[in-house]
Amino acid sequence: MNFSEDQILRYSRHILLKQVGGTGQETLLNSRVLVIGAGGLGSPTLTYLAAAGVGTIGIVDDDQVDLSNLQRQIAHGTNDVGRDKVESAAEMIASINPDVKPEKHKARLTKDNISDLIREYDFVVEGTDNFPTKFLVNDACYFEGKPFSLGGILRFEGNTMTHIPGHACYRCVFPEPPPAGVVPSCAEAGVLGAVAGMIGTVQAAETLKYLLGIGETLTDRLLTMNALTMEWRTVDVSRADNCRLCGENPTVTELVEAEQPACAIPGVGTGAATGAAAGAAATTQ
């Protein structure tokens, strides 16, 4: 690829890295990433992927910007209140990097449309606010053989894991959504806005590492963090033989849509370790 002088300057800090270089930057410019959710986690992910020069970034969201979003959803501003999130997020991407093409998908993901959406992308980033979508993304990516990053935040805690085909999936760690009505909502629990940036940025880094084929992703590992103590730790996980999706005798053989309140998290109030591990199942945005 013949880089322009502006591109050489724009991506110079990447090109200087021996693990990236000009070849790696060309790879990023030719890559396609789908970000599901343009909220607390999606915002920093979209921002850094655009700055890095990921050539095509798909944005999936069916919501509009609300004033309460702005405490953490940095892809949007005060003037965007009332606008579709895919519109304001795409505008943000274009303002950061003209090399990047945003693809807007204003839609609620369902079992009927998700496979067609993810099929066109190299990597999927999940940053939604509800259990049904998380499990739907996990299951659809498994059936389509797509790698993905999944993140969750609540209060002062966050966590994320990366799935690559052949390794532990989300259901290996969390077999199914918790029962409806037994967990608090995000509006009740709250979240420190910066935690969304911390986890979303990790998801962006995971995406870039996968696309470049460098380093070690959070495959078969769950990363958890607590902003109050600033403790980070990784928990090894493994592909479960009895996993309902990817195990030896799967019972999930087609896409299903579960019913569950948005922004819910199990384990709240049961201690930091339990809460953090359980928190991987949810995202508060």
C-alpha atoms as a PDB file:
ATOM      1  CA  MET A   1       0.000   0.000   0.000  1.00  0.00           C
ATOM      2  CA  ASN A   2       1.302   3.451  -0.887  1.00  0.00           C
ATOM      3  CA  PHE A   3       0.654   5.639   2.136  1.00  0.00           C
ATOM      4  CA  SER A   4       0.144   9.335   1.613  1.00  0.00           C
ATOM      5  CA  GLU A   5       2.328  11.772   3.530  1.00  0.00           C
ATOM      6  CA  ASP A   6      -0.634  12.546   5.793  1.00  0.00           C
ATOM      7  CA  GLN A   7      -1.169   8.857   6.504  1.00  0.00           C
ATOM      8  CA  ILE A   8       2.505   8.313   7.299  1.00  0.00           C
ATOM      9  CA  LEU A   9       2.301  11.144   9.795  1.00  0.00           C
ATOM     10  CA  ARG A  10      -1.078  10.074  11.204  1.00  0.00           C
ATOM     11  CA  TYR A  11      -0.013   6.471  11.799  1.00  0.00           C
ATOM     12  CA  SER A  12       3.666   7.140  12.535  1.00  0.00           C
ATOM     13  CA  ARG A  13       3.495   5.853  16.114  1.00  0.00           C
ATOM     14  CA  HIS A  14       2.038   2.594  14.858  1.00  0.00           C
ATOM     15  CA  ILE A  15       4.527   2.295  12.030  1.00  0.00           C
ATOM     16  CA  LEU A  16       7.391   2.738  14.507  1.00  0.00           C
ATOM     17  CA  LEU A  17       6.255  -0.362  16.403  1.00  0.00           C
ATOM     18  CA  LYS A  18       8.015  -3.429  15.028  1.00  0.00           C
ATOM     19  CA  GLN A  19       4.923  -5.506  15.841  1.00  0.00           C
ATOM     20  CA  VAL A  20       2.811  -3.243  13.610  1.00  0.00           C
ATOM     21  CA  GLY A  21       4.847  -1.346  11.016  1.00  0.00           C
ATOM     22  CA  GLY A  22       3.523  -0.376   7.621  1.00  0.00           C
ATOM     23  CA  THR A  23       2.263  -3.878   6.899  1.00  0.00           C
ATOM     24  CA  GLY A  24       0.266  -3.984  10.109  1.00  0.00           C
ATOM     25  CA  GLN A  25      -1.208  -0.562   9.481  1.00  0.00           C
ATOM     26  CA  GLU A  26      -2.274  -1.697   6.025  1.00  0.00           C
ATOM     27  CA  THR A  27      -3.945  -4.689   7.668  1.00  0.00           C
ATOM     28  CA  LEU A  28      -5.914  -2.384   9.974  1.00  0.00           C
ATOM     29  CA  LEU A  29      -7.009  -0.166   7.101  1.00  0.00           C
ATOM     30  CA  ASN A  30      -8.320  -3.248   5.301  1.00  0.00           C
ATOM     31  CA  SER A  31     -10.102  -4.661   8.368  1.00  0.00           C
ATOM     32  CA  ARG A  32     -13.799  -4.658   9.238  1.00  0.00           C
ATOM     33  CA  VAL A  33     -15.016  -4.536  12.860  1.00  0.00           C
ATOM     34  CA  LEU A  34     -18.593  -4.541  14.130  1.00  0.00           C
ATOM     35  CA  VAL A  35     -19.282  -2.745  17.425  1.00  0.00           C
ATOM     36  CA  ILE A  36     -22.597  -3.734  18.974  1.00  0.00           C
ATOM     37  CA  GLY A  37     -23.765  -0.947  21.259  1.00  0.00           C
ATOM     38  CA  ALA A  38     -22.679   2.686  20.950  1.00  0.00           C
ATOM     39  CA  GLY A  39     -22.922   3.374  24.654  1.00  0.00           C
ATOM     40  CA  GLY A  40     -20.565   3.262  27.625  1.00  0.00           C
ATOM     41  CA  LEU A  41     -18.281   0.543  26.273  1.00  0.00           C
ATOM     42  CA  GLY A  42     -18.882   1.102  22.592  1.00  0.00           C
ATOM     43  CA  SER A  43     -17.929   4.780  22.776  1.00  0.00           C
ATOM     44  CA  PRO A  44     -14.250   4.363  23.763  1.00  0.00           C
ATOM     45  CA  THR A  45     -13.957   1.273  21.584  1.00  0.00           C
ATOM     46  CA  LEU A  46     -15.235   3.154  18.541  1.00  0.00           C
ATOM     47  CA  THR A  47     -12.996   6.123  19.303  1.00  0.00           C
ATOM     48  CA  TYR A  48      -9.767   4.140  19.501  1.00  0.00           C
ATOM     49  CA  LEU A  49     -10.565   1.874  16.575  1.00  0.00           C
ATOM     50  CA  ALA A  50     -11.221   4.945  14.437  1.00  0.00           C
ATOM     51  CA  ALA A  51      -8.020   6.617  15.588  1.00  0.00           C
ATOM     52  CA  ALA A  52      -6.083   3.419  14.874  1.00  0.00           C
ATOM     53  CA  GLY A  53      -7.306   3.376  11.285  1.00  0.00           C
ATOM     54  CA  VAL A  54      -9.549   0.315  11.250  1.00  0.00           C
ATOM     55  CA  GLY A  55     -10.896   0.791   7.736  1.00  0.00           C
ATOM     56  CA  THR A  56     -14.551  -0.131   8.214  1.00  0.00           C
ATOM     57  CA  ILE A  57     -16.387   0.101  11.525  1.00  0.00           C
ATOM     58  CA  GLY A  58     -19.973  -1.074  11.804  1.00  0.00           C
ATOM     59  CA  ILE A  59     -22.124   0.456  14.536  1.00  0.00           C
ATOM     60  CA  VAL A  60     -25.221  -1.351  15.820  1.00  0.00           C
ATOM     61  CA  ASP A  61     -27.638   0.516  18.087  1.00  0.00           C
ATOM     62  CA  ASP A  62     -31.351   1.285  17.981  1.00  0.00           C
ATOM     63  CA  ASP A  63     -31.375   3.898  20.748  1.00  0.00           C
ATOM     64  CA  GLN A  64     -31.272   7.692  20.893  1.00  0.00           C
ATOM     65  CA  VAL A  65     -28.890   9.803  22.957  1.00  0.00           C
ATOM     66  CA  ASP A  66     -30.262  10.709  26.377  1.00  0.00           C
ATOM     67  CA  LEU A  67     -28.872  13.321  28.744  1.00  0.00           C
ATOM     68  CA  SER A  68     -28.183  10.599  31.315  1.00  0.00           C
ATOM     69  CA  ASN A  69     -25.868   8.864  28.807  1.00  0.00           C
ATOM     70  CA  LEU A  70     -23.369  11.701  28.661  1.00  0.00           C
ATOM     71  CA  GLN A  71     -21.708  10.918  31.995  1.00  0.00           C
ATOM     72  CA  ARG A  72     -19.923   7.984  30.319  1.00  0.00           C
ATOM     73  CA  GLN A  73     -20.866   7.649  26.624  1.00  0.00           C
ATOM     74  CA  ILE A  74     -18.132   9.834  25.152  1.00  0.00           C
ATOM     75  CA  ALA A  75     -19.083   9.251  21.518  1.00  0.00           C
ATOM     76  CA  HIS A  76     -21.953  11.691  22.045  1.00  0.00           C
ATOM     77  CA  GLY A  77     -22.265  15.291  23.200  1.00  0.00           C
ATOM     78  CA  THR A  78     -24.899  17.583  24.614  1.00  0.00           C
ATOM     79  CA  ASN A  79     -25.986  18.680  21.137  1.00  0.00           C
ATOM     80  CA  ASP A  80     -26.617  15.033  20.249  1.00  0.00           C
ATOM     81  CA  VAL A  81     -29.381  14.524  22.804  1.00  0.00           C
ATOM     82  CA  GLY A  82     -32.368  13.093  20.956  1.00  0.00           C
ATOM     83  CA  ARG A  83     -30.327  11.945  17.941  1.00  0.00           C
ATOM     84  CA  ASP A  84     -29.861   8.329  16.936  1.00  0.00           C
ATOM     85  CA  LYS A  85     -26.683   7.000  18.529  1.00  0.00           C
ATOM     86  CA  VAL A  86     -25.534   5.464  15.256  1.00  0.00           C
ATOM     87  CA  GLU A  87     -25.673   8.917  13.661  1.00  0.00           C
ATOM     88  CA  SER A  88     -23.705  10.759  16.329  1.00  0.00           C
ATOM     89  CA  ALA A  89     -21.201   7.907  16.674  1.00  0.00           C
ATOM     90  CA  ALA A  90     -20.633   7.803  12.905  1.00  0.00           C
ATOM     91  CA  GLU A  91     -20.143  11.576  12.892  1.00  0.00           C
ATOM     92  CA  MET A  92     -17.573  11.244  15.669  1.00  0.00           C
ATOM     93  CA  ILE A  93     -15.681   8.580  13.722  1.00  0.00           C
ATOM     94  CA  ALA A  94     -15.615  10.717  10.583  1.00  0.00           C
ATOM     95  CA  SER A  95     -14.298  13.694  12.551  1.00  0.00           C
ATOM     96  CA  ILE A  96     -11.426  11.618  13.964  1.00  0.00           C
ATOM     97  CA  ASN A  97     -10.262   9.843  10.836  1.00  0.00           C
ATOM     98  CA  PRO A  98     -11.356  10.321   7.212  1.00  0.00           C
ATOM     99  CA  ASP A  99      -9.699   6.998   6.317  1.00  0.00           C
ATOM    100  CA  VAL A 100     -12.388   5.133   8.252  1.00  0.00           C
ATOM    101  CA  LYS A 101     -15.780   4.230   6.819  1.00  0.00           C
ATOM    102  CA  PRO A 102     -18.549   3.988   9.441  1.00  0.00           C
ATOM    103  CA  GLU A 103     -21.436   1.667   8.610  1.00  0.00           C
ATOM    104  CA  LYS A 104     -24.626   2.488  10.492  1.00  0.00           C
ATOM    105  CA  HIS A 105     -27.008  -0.265  11.538  1.00  0.00           C
ATOM    106  CA  LYS A 106     -29.932   1.245  13.419  1.00  0.00           C
ATOM    107  CA  ALA A 107     -31.553  -1.958  14.544  1.00  0.00           C
ATOM    108  CA  ARG A 108     -32.352  -4.079  17.537  1.00  0.00           C
ATOM    109  CA  LEU A 109     -30.448  -7.323  17.228  1.00  0.00           C
ATOM    110  CA  THR A 110     -32.651 -10.392  16.910  1.00  0.00           C
ATOM    111  CA  LYS A 111     -32.099 -14.020  16.059  1.00  0.00           C
ATOM    112  CA  ASP A 112     -33.350 -13.191  12.582  1.00  0.00           C
ATOM    113  CA  ASN A 113     -30.864 -10.437  11.696  1.00  0.00           C
ATOM    114  CA  ILE A 114     -27.720 -10.959  13.751  1.00  0.00           C
ATOM    115  CA  SER A 115     -26.103 -13.658  11.613  1.00  0.00           C
ATOM    116  CA  ASP A 116     -26.317 -11.594   8.445  1.00  0.00           C
ATOM    117  CA  LEU A 117     -24.846  -8.603  10.285  1.00  0.00           C
ATOM    118  CA  ILE A 118     -21.826 -10.257  11.883  1.00  0.00           C
ATOM    119  CA  ARG A 119     -21.026 -12.339   8.808  1.00  0.00           C
ATOM    120  CA  GLU A 120     -19.608  -9.310   6.999  1.00  0.00           C
ATOM    121  CA  TYR A 121     -17.032  -8.420   9.668  1.00  0.00           C
ATOM    122  CA  ASP A 122     -13.661  -9.775  10.822  1.00  0.00           C
ATOM    123  CA  PHE A 123     -14.202  -9.169  14.541  1.00  0.00           C
ATOM    124  CA  VAL A 124     -17.175  -8.322  16.765  1.00  0.00           C
ATOM    125  CA  VAL A 125     -17.145  -6.143  19.889  1.00  0.00           C
ATOM    126  CA  GLU A 126     -20.101  -6.554  22.244  1.00  0.00           C
ATOM    127  CA  GLY A 127     -20.852  -3.720  24.650  1.00  0.00           C
ATOM    128  CA  THR A 128     -24.596  -3.824  25.239  1.00  0.00           C
ATOM    129  CA  ASP A 129     -26.678  -3.322  28.345  1.00  0.00           C
ATOM    130  CA  ASN A 130     -28.668  -6.541  28.545  1.00  0.00           C
ATOM    131  CA  PHE A 131     -28.235 -10.278  28.953  1.00  0.00           C
ATOM    132  CA  PRO A 132     -30.312 -11.455  25.979  1.00  0.00           C
ATOM    133  CA  THR A 133     -28.102  -9.573  23.519  1.00  0.00           C
ATOM    134  CA  LYS A 134     -24.910 -10.827  25.151  1.00  0.00           C
ATOM    135  CA  PHE A 135     -25.978 -14.440  24.859  1.00  0.00           C
ATOM    136  CA  LEU A 136     -27.330 -13.842  21.363  1.00  0.00           C
ATOM    137  CA  VAL A 137     -24.000 -12.357  20.254  1.00  0.00           C
ATOM    138  CA  ASN A 138     -22.080 -15.224  21.835  1.00  0.00           C
ATOM    139  CA  ASP A 139     -24.244 -17.883  20.221  1.00  0.00           C
ATOM    140  CA  ALA A 140     -24.348 -16.221  16.789  1.00  0.00           C
ATOM    141  CA  CYS A 141     -20.579 -15.678  16.742  1.00  0.00           C
ATOM    142  CA  TYR A 142     -20.057 -19.310  17.690  1.00  0.00           C
ATOM    143  CA  PHE A 143     -22.298 -20.554  14.887  1.00  0.00           C
ATOM    144  CA  GLU A 144     -20.650 -18.192  12.378  1.00  0.00           C
ATOM    145  CA  GLY A 145     -17.113 -18.875  13.598  1.00  0.00           C
ATOM    146  CA  LYS A 146     -16.509 -15.216  14.485  1.00  0.00           C
ATOM    147  CA  PRO A 147     -14.106 -13.959  17.178  1.00  0.00           C
ATOM    148  CA  PHE A 148     -15.461 -11.371  19.582  1.00  0.00           C
ATOM    149  CA  SER A 149     -14.772  -9.305  22.706  1.00  0.00           C
ATOM    150  CA  LEU A 150     -17.408  -9.038  25.426  1.00  0.00           C
ATOM    151  CA  GLY A 151     -17.343  -6.494  28.252  1.00  0.00           C
ATOM    152  CA  GLY A 152     -19.302  -5.664  31.387  1.00  0.00           C
ATOM    153  CA  ILE A 153     -19.309  -2.840  33.924  1.00  0.00           C
ATOM    154  CA  LEU A 154     -21.268  -1.971  37.057  1.00  0.00           C
ATOM    155  CA  ARG A 155     -20.679   0.548  39.836  1.00  0.00           C
ATOM    156  CA  PHE A 156     -16.854   0.535  40.200  1.00  0.00           C
ATOM    157  CA  GLU A 157     -16.150  -2.853  38.620  1.00  0.00           C
ATOM    158  CA  GLY A 158     -15.555  -4.034  35.088  1.00  0.00           C
ATOM    159  CA  ASN A 159     -14.588  -7.161  33.238  1.00  0.00           C
ATOM    160  CA  THR A 160     -14.009  -8.477  29.742  1.00  0.00           C
ATOM    161  CA  MET A 161     -13.107 -11.635  27.867  1.00  0.00           C
ATOM    162  CA  THR A 162     -12.241 -12.482  24.273  1.00  0.00           C
ATOM    163  CA  HIS A 163     -13.546 -15.499  22.397  1.00  0.00           C
ATOM    164  CA  ILE A 164     -11.691 -17.056  19.501  1.00  0.00           C
ATOM    165  CA  PRO A 165     -13.229 -20.091  17.771  1.00  0.00           C
ATOM    166  CA  GLY A 166     -12.153 -23.307  19.426  1.00  0.00           C
ATOM    167  CA  HIS A 167     -11.746 -21.710  22.855  1.00  0.00           C
ATOM    168  CA  ALA A 168     -14.026 -21.004  25.821  1.00  0.00           C
ATOM    169  CA  CYS A 169     -17.209 -19.163  24.930  1.00  0.00           C
ATOM    170  CA  TYR A 170     -19.397 -17.007  27.142  1.00  0.00           C
ATOM    171  CA  ARG A 171     -21.649 -19.934  28.014  1.00  0.00           C
ATOM    172  CA  CYS A 172     -18.642 -21.910  29.234  1.00  0.00           C
ATOM    173  CA  VAL A 173     -18.378 -19.332  32.031  1.00  0.00           C
ATOM    174  CA  PHE A 174     -22.029 -18.277  32.378  1.00  0.00           C
ATOM    175  CA  PRO A 175     -24.297 -21.065  31.101  1.00  0.00           C
ATOM    176  CA  GLU A 176     -27.486 -18.988  30.908  1.00  0.00           C
ATOM    177  CA  PRO A 177     -28.960 -15.609  31.892  1.00  0.00           C
ATOM    178  CA  PRO A 178     -29.968 -15.209  35.546  1.00  0.00           C
ATOM    179  CA  PRO A 179     -33.685 -15.413  36.331  1.00  0.00           C
ATOM    180  CA  ALA A 180     -35.618 -12.227  35.643  1.00  0.00           C
ATOM    181  CA  GLY A 181     -36.427 -10.050  38.631  1.00  0.00           C
ATOM    182  CA  VAL A 182     -33.625 -11.158  40.963  1.00  0.00           C
ATOM    183  CA  VAL A 183     -31.009  -8.559  40.020  1.00  0.00           C
ATOM    184  CA  PRO A 184     -30.955  -4.731  40.120  1.00  0.00           C
ATOM    185  CA  SER A 185     -31.093  -2.482  37.085  1.00  0.00           C
ATOM    186  CA  CYS A 186     -28.355  -0.082  36.032  1.00  0.00           C
ATOM    187  CA  ALA A 187     -30.513   2.868  37.041  1.00  0.00           C
ATOM    188  CA  GLU A 188     -30.642   1.443  40.571  1.00  0.00           C
ATOM    189  CA  ALA A 189     -26.998   0.442  40.847  1.00  0.00           C
ATOM    190  CA  GLY A 190     -25.124   3.228  39.011  1.00  0.00           C
ATOM    191  CA  VAL A 191     -21.666   3.196  37.453  1.00  0.00           C
ATOM    192  CA  LEU A 192     -18.533   5.337  37.595  1.00  0.00           C
ATOM    193  CA  GLY A 193     -18.248   6.785  34.101  1.00  0.00           C
ATOM    194  CA  ALA A 194     -14.504   6.297  33.791  1.00  0.00           C
ATOM    195  CA  VAL A 195     -14.895   2.534  34.311  1.00  0.00           C
ATOM    196  CA  ALA A 196     -16.626   2.361  30.935  1.00  0.00           C
ATOM    197  CA  GLY A 197     -13.576   3.972  29.355  1.00  0.00           C
ATOM    198  CA  MET A 198     -11.196   1.606  31.106  1.00  0.00           C
ATOM    199  CA  ILE A 199     -12.934  -1.554  29.928  1.00  0.00           C
ATOM    200  CA  GLY A 200     -13.896  -0.195  26.507  1.00  0.00           C
ATOM    201  CA  THR A 201     -10.273   0.723  25.848  1.00  0.00           C
ATOM    202  CA  VAL A 202      -9.188  -2.810  26.757  1.00  0.00           C
ATOM    203  CA  GLN A 203     -11.728  -4.124  24.264  1.00  0.00           C
ATOM    204  CA  ALA A 204     -10.275  -1.843  21.593  1.00  0.00           C
ATOM    205  CA  ALA A 205      -6.772  -3.119  22.353  1.00  0.00           C
ATOM    206  CA  GLU A 206      -7.990  -6.718  22.172  1.00  0.00           C
ATOM    207  CA  THR A 207      -9.531  -6.003  18.782  1.00  0.00           C
ATOM    208  CA  LEU A 208      -6.356  -4.444  17.410  1.00  0.00           C
ATOM    209  CA  LYS A 209      -4.170  -7.284  18.720  1.00  0.00           C
ATOM    210  CA  TYR A 210      -6.405  -9.861  17.099  1.00  0.00           C
ATOM    211  CA  LEU A 211      -6.458  -8.070  13.750  1.00  0.00           C
ATOM    212  CA  LEU A 212      -2.673  -7.663  13.815  1.00  0.00           C
ATOM    213  CA  GLY A 213      -2.005 -11.169  15.087  1.00  0.00           C
ATOM    214  CA  ILE A 214       0.203  -9.947  17.913  1.00  0.00           C
ATOM    215  CA  GLY A 215       0.452 -10.497  21.661  1.00  0.00           C
ATOM    216  CA  GLU A 216      -1.896 -12.585  23.767  1.00  0.00           C
ATOM    217  CA  THR A 217      -5.607 -11.841  23.784  1.00  0.00           C
ATOM    218  CA  LEU A 218      -7.920 -12.528  26.711  1.00  0.00           C
ATOM    219  CA  THR A 219      -8.754 -15.904  25.244  1.00  0.00           C
ATOM    220  CA  ASP A 220      -9.642 -18.459  27.944  1.00  0.00           C
ATOM    221  CA  ARG A 221      -9.183 -15.651  30.467  1.00  0.00           C
ATOM    222  CA  LEU A 222     -11.581 -13.295  32.233  1.00  0.00           C
ATOM    223  CA  LEU A 223     -10.105  -9.902  33.126  1.00  0.00           C
ATOM    224  CA  THR A 224     -11.683  -8.180  36.125  1.00  0.00           C
ATOM    225  CA  MET A 225     -10.944  -4.797  37.674  1.00  0.00           C
ATOM    226  CA  ASN A 226     -12.085  -2.697  40.618  1.00  0.00           C
ATOM    227  CA  ALA A 227     -11.613   1.053  40.230  1.00  0.00           C
ATOM    228  CA  LEU A 228     -11.950   1.711  43.972  1.00  0.00           C
ATOM    229  CA  THR A 229      -8.869  -0.366  44.778  1.00  0.00           C
ATOM    230  CA  MET A 230      -7.380  -0.231  41.254  1.00  0.00           C
ATOM    231  CA  GLU A 231      -6.859  -3.988  41.374  1.00  0.00           C
ATOM    232  CA  TRP A 232      -6.763  -5.891  38.092  1.00  0.00           C
ATOM    233  CA  ARG A 233      -6.656  -9.652  37.835  1.00  0.00           C
ATOM    234  CA  THR A 234      -7.204 -12.371  35.269  1.00  0.00           C
ATOM    235  CA  VAL A 235      -9.070 -15.584  35.954  1.00  0.00           C
ATOM    236  CA  ASP A 236      -8.272 -18.582  33.792  1.00  0.00           C
ATOM    237  CA  VAL A 237     -11.319 -20.201  32.227  1.00  0.00           C
ATOM    238  CA  SER A 238     -11.542 -23.207  29.947  1.00  0.00           C
ATOM    239  CA  ARG A 239     -13.831 -24.629  27.355  1.00  0.00           C
ATOM    240  CA  ALA A 240     -16.402 -26.651  29.271  1.00  0.00           C
ATOM    241  CA  ASP A 241     -17.185 -30.180  28.125  1.00  0.00           C
ATOM    242  CA  ASN A 242     -20.728 -29.664  29.403  1.00  0.00           C
ATOM    243  CA  CYS A 243     -21.197 -26.234  27.791  1.00  0.00           C
ATOM    244  CA  ARG A 244     -24.715 -25.940  26.425  1.00  0.00           C
ATOM    245  CA  LEU A 245     -23.361 -24.397  23.216  1.00  0.00           C
ATOM    246  CA  CYS A 246     -19.874 -25.693  22.426  1.00  0.00           C
ATOM    247  CA  GLY A 247     -19.690 -28.745  24.684  1.00  0.00           C
ATOM    248  CA  GLU A 248     -19.745 -32.431  23.787  1.00  0.00           C
ATOM    249  CA  ASN A 249     -23.542 -32.663  23.936  1.00  0.00           C
ATOM    250  CA  PRO A 250     -24.870 -29.179  23.111  1.00  0.00           C
ATOM    251  CA  THR A 251     -28.475 -28.300  23.862  1.00  0.00           C
ATOM    252  CA  VAL A 252     -28.302 -24.839  22.277  1.00  0.00           C
ATOM    253  CA  THR A 253     -28.383 -25.754  18.597  1.00  0.00           C
ATOM    254  CA  GLU A 254     -30.062 -22.660  17.192  1.00  0.00           C
ATOM    255  CA  LEU A 255     -30.372 -18.983  18.036  1.00  0.00           C
ATOM    256  CA  VAL A 256     -32.874 -18.105  20.759  1.00  0.00           C
ATOM    257  CA  GLU A 257     -33.905 -14.839  22.369  1.00  0.00           C
ATOM    258  CA  ALA A 258     -34.150 -14.824  26.145  1.00  0.00           C
ATOM    259  CA  GLU A 259     -36.244 -12.413  28.162  1.00  0.00           C
ATOM    260  CA  GLN A 260     -34.332 -10.403  30.734  1.00  0.00           C
ATOM    261  CA  PRO A 261     -34.340  -6.827  32.076  1.00  0.00           C
ATOM    262  CA  ALA A 262     -31.569  -4.616  30.723  1.00  0.00           C
ATOM    263  CA  CYS A 263     -28.472  -3.692  32.735  1.00  0.00           C
ATOM    264  CA  ALA A 264     -28.817  -6.490  35.265  1.00  0.00           C
ATOM    265  CA  ILE A 265     -25.982  -8.124  37.146  1.00  0.00           C
ATOM    266  CA  PRO A 266     -25.929 -11.144  39.462  1.00  0.00           C
ATOM    267  CA  GLY A 267     -23.881 -11.365  42.634  1.00  0.00           C
ATOM    268  CA  VAL A 268     -24.272  -7.744  43.763  1.00  0.00           C
ATOM    269  CA  GLY A 269     -23.626  -7.498  47.478  1.00  0.00           C
ATOM    270  CA  THR A 270     -21.956 -10.903  47.722  1.00  0.00           C
ATOM    271  CA  GLY A 271     -18.399  -9.646  47.885  1.00  0.00           C
ATOM    272  CA  ALA A 272     -15.873  -8.276  45.414  1.00  0.00           C
ATOM    273  CA  ALA A 273     -14.656 -11.599  44.067  1.00  0.00           C
ATOM    274  CA  THR A 274     -18.108 -13.065  43.501  1.00  0.00           C
ATOM    275  CA  GLY A 275     -19.502  -9.821  42.180  1.00  0.00           C
ATOM    276  CA  ALA A 276     -16.630  -9.286  39.763  1.00  0.00           C
ATOM    277  CA  ALA A 277     -16.837 -12.781  38.339  1.00  0.00           C
ATOM    278  CA  ALA A 278     -20.590 -12.586  37.969  1.00  0.00           C
ATOM    279  CA  GLY A 279     -20.310  -9.118  36.530  1.00  0.00           C
ATOM    280  CA  ALA A 280     -18.854 -10.404  33.276  1.00  0.00           C
ATOM    281  CA  ALA A 281     -22.402 -11.277  32.384  1.00  0.00           C
ATOM    282  CA  ALA A 282     -23.624  -7.691  32.294  1.00  0.00           C
ATOM    283  CA  THR A 283     -22.897  -4.242  31.063  1.00  0.00           C
ATOM    284  CA  THR A 284     -24.282  -1.114  32.660  1.00  0.00           C
ATOM    285  CA  GLN A 285     -24.422   1.709  30.201  1.00  0.00           C
END
